[in-house]
């Protein structure tokens, strides 16, 4: 009986290798030959799943921001408060940093690759929708100013989170998890956050 291959899973496995290469050497380090070598596949197999390097990079980029947003949604579903959910967006663990690093590495490609630009826009729009949902939930639970506009507040949350992440990228040692959290709290308090309780910071 022929073995059933989970094609989407294999694409994700390839993307993990691409992400590691980007973390170590930027997008320039990614070649079909190198990816095939690290995956233990032939370049023919890699090309079966991705028609080009750009397609492979775009998929990897999309997977990076989806990982972060999935973590946020899971945290919200599990009952975490607004701050706890937003912490899941920050590059405050090795895995989250890898996803952020991968996402940021594509800035140089966004102006010349339509697929990359489209993936960036998609990530921005989906992120905004989830953050607006978090603000509405926080308002219902009494931990955010009910007079705030969730859509406008979500935009400012994006600015805060993205700003912290870019500062981490410039000097990671200067921005441990505790400092990321403290600055995030300052920002969201200015936006109308009413914390019920400030717990312990995310693990570094």
Protein backbone atom coordinates (compact mmCIF):
# COMPACT_ATOMS: atom_id res chain seq x y z
CA UNK A 1 0.00 0.00 0.00
CA UNK A 2 1.55 3.36 -0.99
CA UNK A 3 2.50 5.72 1.83
CA UNK A 4 0.22 8.74 2.20
CA UNK A 5 2.23 11.97 2.15
CA UNK A 6 0.94 14.99 4.06
CA UNK A 7 1.91 17.65 1.52
CA UNK A 8 1.10 20.64 3.69
CA UNK A 9 3.11 19.17 6.53
CA UNK A 10 6.06 18.69 4.21
CA UNK A 11 5.79 22.30 3.05
CA UNK A 12 5.86 23.39 6.69
CA UNK A 13 8.91 21.24 7.36
CA UNK A 14 10.71 22.84 4.44
CA UNK A 15 9.69 26.28 5.71
CA UNK A 16 11.24 25.51 9.11
CA UNK A 17 14.56 24.86 7.40
CA UNK A 18 14.21 28.09 5.42
CA UNK A 19 13.49 29.99 8.63
CA UNK A 20 16.65 28.60 10.26
CA UNK A 21 18.72 29.62 7.25
CA UNK A 22 17.26 33.14 7.33
CA UNK A 23 18.02 33.36 11.05
CA UNK A 24 21.63 32.38 10.47
CA UNK A 25 22.42 34.27 7.27
CA UNK A 26 19.47 36.27 5.98
CA UNK A 27 17.47 35.62 2.82
CA UNK A 28 20.71 35.45 0.82
CA UNK A 29 21.56 32.20 2.62
CA UNK A 30 18.48 30.50 1.17
CA UNK A 31 19.04 28.51 -2.03
CA UNK A 32 17.08 25.57 -3.37
CA UNK A 33 20.21 23.43 -3.24
CA UNK A 34 20.98 24.30 0.39
CA UNK A 35 17.39 23.78 1.51
CA UNK A 36 17.28 20.41 -0.26
CA UNK A 37 20.53 19.37 1.39
CA UNK A 38 19.33 20.24 4.89
CA UNK A 39 15.93 18.61 4.35
CA UNK A 40 17.47 15.46 2.94
CA UNK A 41 15.54 15.83 -0.32
CA UNK A 42 16.56 16.37 -3.92
CA UNK A 43 16.07 19.80 -5.46
CA UNK A 44 13.40 18.17 -7.62
CA UNK A 45 11.36 17.39 -4.50
CA UNK A 46 11.76 20.94 -3.20
CA UNK A 47 10.62 22.32 -6.56
CA UNK A 48 7.58 20.06 -6.41
CA UNK A 49 6.39 22.01 -3.35
CA UNK A 50 7.73 25.45 -4.27
CA UNK A 51 8.08 26.65 -7.84
CA UNK A 52 10.71 29.25 -6.92
CA UNK A 53 12.81 30.67 -4.13
CA UNK A 54 10.44 33.63 -3.83
CA UNK A 55 7.45 31.31 -3.39
CA UNK A 56 9.34 29.41 -0.71
CA UNK A 57 10.30 32.63 1.09
CA UNK A 58 6.77 34.01 0.89
CA UNK A 59 5.30 30.84 2.34
CA UNK A 60 7.86 30.90 5.16
CA UNK A 61 7.07 34.53 5.90
CA UNK A 62 3.34 33.82 6.05
CA UNK A 63 3.92 30.85 8.35
CA UNK A 64 5.99 33.06 10.69
CA UNK A 65 3.25 35.59 11.33
CA UNK A 66 0.57 32.91 11.42
CA UNK A 67 2.48 31.18 14.23
CA UNK A 68 2.36 34.34 16.31
CA UNK A 69 -1.31 35.04 15.67
CA UNK A 70 -2.28 31.43 16.37
CA UNK A 71 -0.57 31.73 19.76
CA UNK A 72 -2.52 34.90 20.50
CA UNK A 73 -5.86 33.31 19.60
CA UNK A 74 -5.06 30.22 21.70
CA UNK A 75 -4.12 32.43 24.66
CA UNK A 76 -7.37 34.37 24.36
CA UNK A 77 -9.42 31.17 24.08
CA UNK A 78 -7.65 29.84 27.18
CA UNK A 79 -8.79 32.90 29.13
CA UNK A 80 -5.63 35.00 29.24
CA UNK A 81 -6.14 38.73 29.73
CA UNK A 82 -5.24 41.36 27.15
CA UNK A 83 -1.69 41.80 28.38
CA UNK A 84 -1.10 38.04 28.44
CA UNK A 85 -2.32 37.76 24.85
CA UNK A 86 -0.24 40.69 23.62
CA UNK A 87 2.88 39.22 25.21
CA UNK A 88 2.47 36.31 22.82
CA UNK A 89 3.11 38.80 20.00
CA UNK A 90 6.50 39.91 21.30
CA UNK A 91 9.90 38.38 20.41
CA UNK A 92 10.39 37.35 24.04
CA UNK A 93 11.28 33.67 23.55
CA UNK A 94 13.76 32.05 21.13
CA UNK A 95 10.96 30.69 18.91
CA UNK A 96 9.06 33.99 18.79
CA UNK A 97 12.30 35.80 18.03
CA UNK A 98 12.96 33.41 15.15
CA UNK A 99 9.51 34.12 13.71
CA UNK A 100 10.01 37.87 14.07
CA UNK A 101 13.49 37.69 12.58
CA UNK A 102 12.12 35.79 9.60
CA UNK A 103 9.34 38.32 9.12
CA UNK A 104 11.65 41.34 9.42
CA UNK A 105 14.18 39.80 7.03
CA UNK A 106 11.71 40.26 4.18
CA UNK A 107 11.54 44.05 4.43
CA UNK A 108 14.10 44.40 1.67
CA UNK A 109 12.01 42.24 -0.66
CA UNK A 110 8.63 43.84 -0.10
CA UNK A 111 9.15 46.69 -2.57
CA UNK A 112 10.14 44.49 -5.51
CA UNK A 113 8.34 41.17 -4.99
CA UNK A 114 4.55 41.38 -5.39
CA UNK A 115 3.99 38.09 -3.56
CA UNK A 116 6.00 39.26 -0.55
CA UNK A 117 4.20 42.60 -0.51
CA UNK A 118 0.83 40.83 -0.67
CA UNK A 119 1.81 38.55 2.23
CA UNK A 120 2.83 41.57 4.28
CA UNK A 121 -0.50 43.27 3.63
CA UNK A 122 -2.38 40.10 4.52
CA UNK A 123 -0.46 39.77 7.78
CA UNK A 124 -1.14 43.40 8.68
CA UNK A 125 -4.87 43.11 8.01
CA UNK A 126 -5.34 39.80 9.82
CA UNK A 127 -3.31 41.04 12.79
CA UNK A 128 -5.41 44.19 13.00
CA UNK A 129 -8.63 42.17 13.05
CA UNK A 130 -7.42 39.92 15.86
CA UNK A 131 -6.15 42.84 17.94
CA UNK A 132 -9.47 44.66 17.53
CA UNK A 133 -11.21 41.50 18.73
CA UNK A 134 -8.94 41.41 21.80
CA UNK A 135 -9.74 45.03 22.62
CA UNK A 136 -13.50 44.40 22.38
CA UNK A 137 -13.15 41.37 24.65
CA UNK A 138 -11.10 43.42 27.13
CA UNK A 139 -13.77 46.13 27.12
CA UNK A 140 -16.47 43.57 27.87
CA UNK A 141 -14.41 42.26 30.78
CA UNK A 142 -13.76 45.72 32.20
CA UNK A 143 -10.04 45.87 31.55
CA UNK A 144 -10.13 48.49 28.82
CA UNK A 145 -11.74 51.92 28.51
CA UNK A 146 -15.18 51.30 26.95
CA UNK A 147 -14.99 54.68 25.19
CA UNK A 148 -12.03 53.58 23.08
CA UNK A 149 -12.56 52.70 19.41
CA UNK A 150 -11.38 49.06 19.04
CA UNK A 151 -10.33 49.56 15.42
CA UNK A 152 -8.22 52.64 16.15
CA UNK A 153 -6.82 51.08 19.32
CA UNK A 154 -5.83 47.95 17.38
CA UNK A 155 -3.79 50.14 15.03
CA UNK A 156 -1.90 51.65 17.96
CA UNK A 157 -1.32 48.20 19.44
CA UNK A 158 0.24 47.15 16.13
CA UNK A 159 2.48 50.20 16.24
CA UNK A 160 3.55 49.39 19.80
CA UNK A 161 4.25 45.70 19.22
CA UNK A 162 6.01 46.25 15.89
CA UNK A 163 8.05 49.08 17.37
CA UNK A 164 9.25 46.96 20.27
CA UNK A 165 10.13 44.12 17.89
CA UNK A 166 12.26 46.37 15.67
CA UNK A 167 14.15 47.67 18.72
CA UNK A 168 14.78 44.09 19.80
CA UNK A 169 16.12 43.38 16.32
CA UNK A 170 18.59 46.26 16.65
CA UNK A 171 19.88 45.28 20.10
CA UNK A 172 18.46 42.03 21.40
CA UNK A 173 20.54 41.93 24.58
CA UNK A 174 19.19 45.33 25.64
CA UNK A 175 15.60 44.12 25.29
CA UNK A 176 14.99 41.05 27.48
CA UNK A 177 11.44 39.79 28.00
CA UNK A 178 10.97 41.85 31.16
CA UNK A 179 11.79 45.14 29.44
CA UNK A 180 9.61 44.30 26.45
CA UNK A 181 6.72 43.68 28.82
CA UNK A 182 7.27 46.85 30.83
CA UNK A 183 7.29 49.04 27.72
CA UNK A 184 4.22 47.26 26.35
CA UNK A 185 2.35 47.91 29.61
CA UNK A 186 3.24 51.62 29.41
CA UNK A 187 1.87 51.83 25.88
CA UNK A 188 -1.40 50.01 26.47
CA UNK A 189 -2.10 51.96 29.67
CA UNK A 190 -1.92 55.16 27.65
CA UNK A 191 -4.41 53.64 25.22
CA UNK A 192 -6.96 52.88 27.96
CA UNK A 193 -5.84 49.58 29.47
CA UNK A 194 -7.08 49.05 33.02
CA UNK A 195 -5.01 46.15 34.40
CA UNK A 196 -6.69 43.97 36.99
CA UNK A 197 -3.41 42.42 38.04
CA UNK A 198 0.14 42.56 36.72
CA UNK A 199 1.64 39.09 36.90
CA UNK A 200 5.09 37.75 36.09
CA UNK A 201 6.78 38.44 32.74
CA UNK A 202 7.08 35.89 29.96
CA UNK A 203 10.11 33.61 30.04
CA UNK A 204 13.18 34.93 28.28
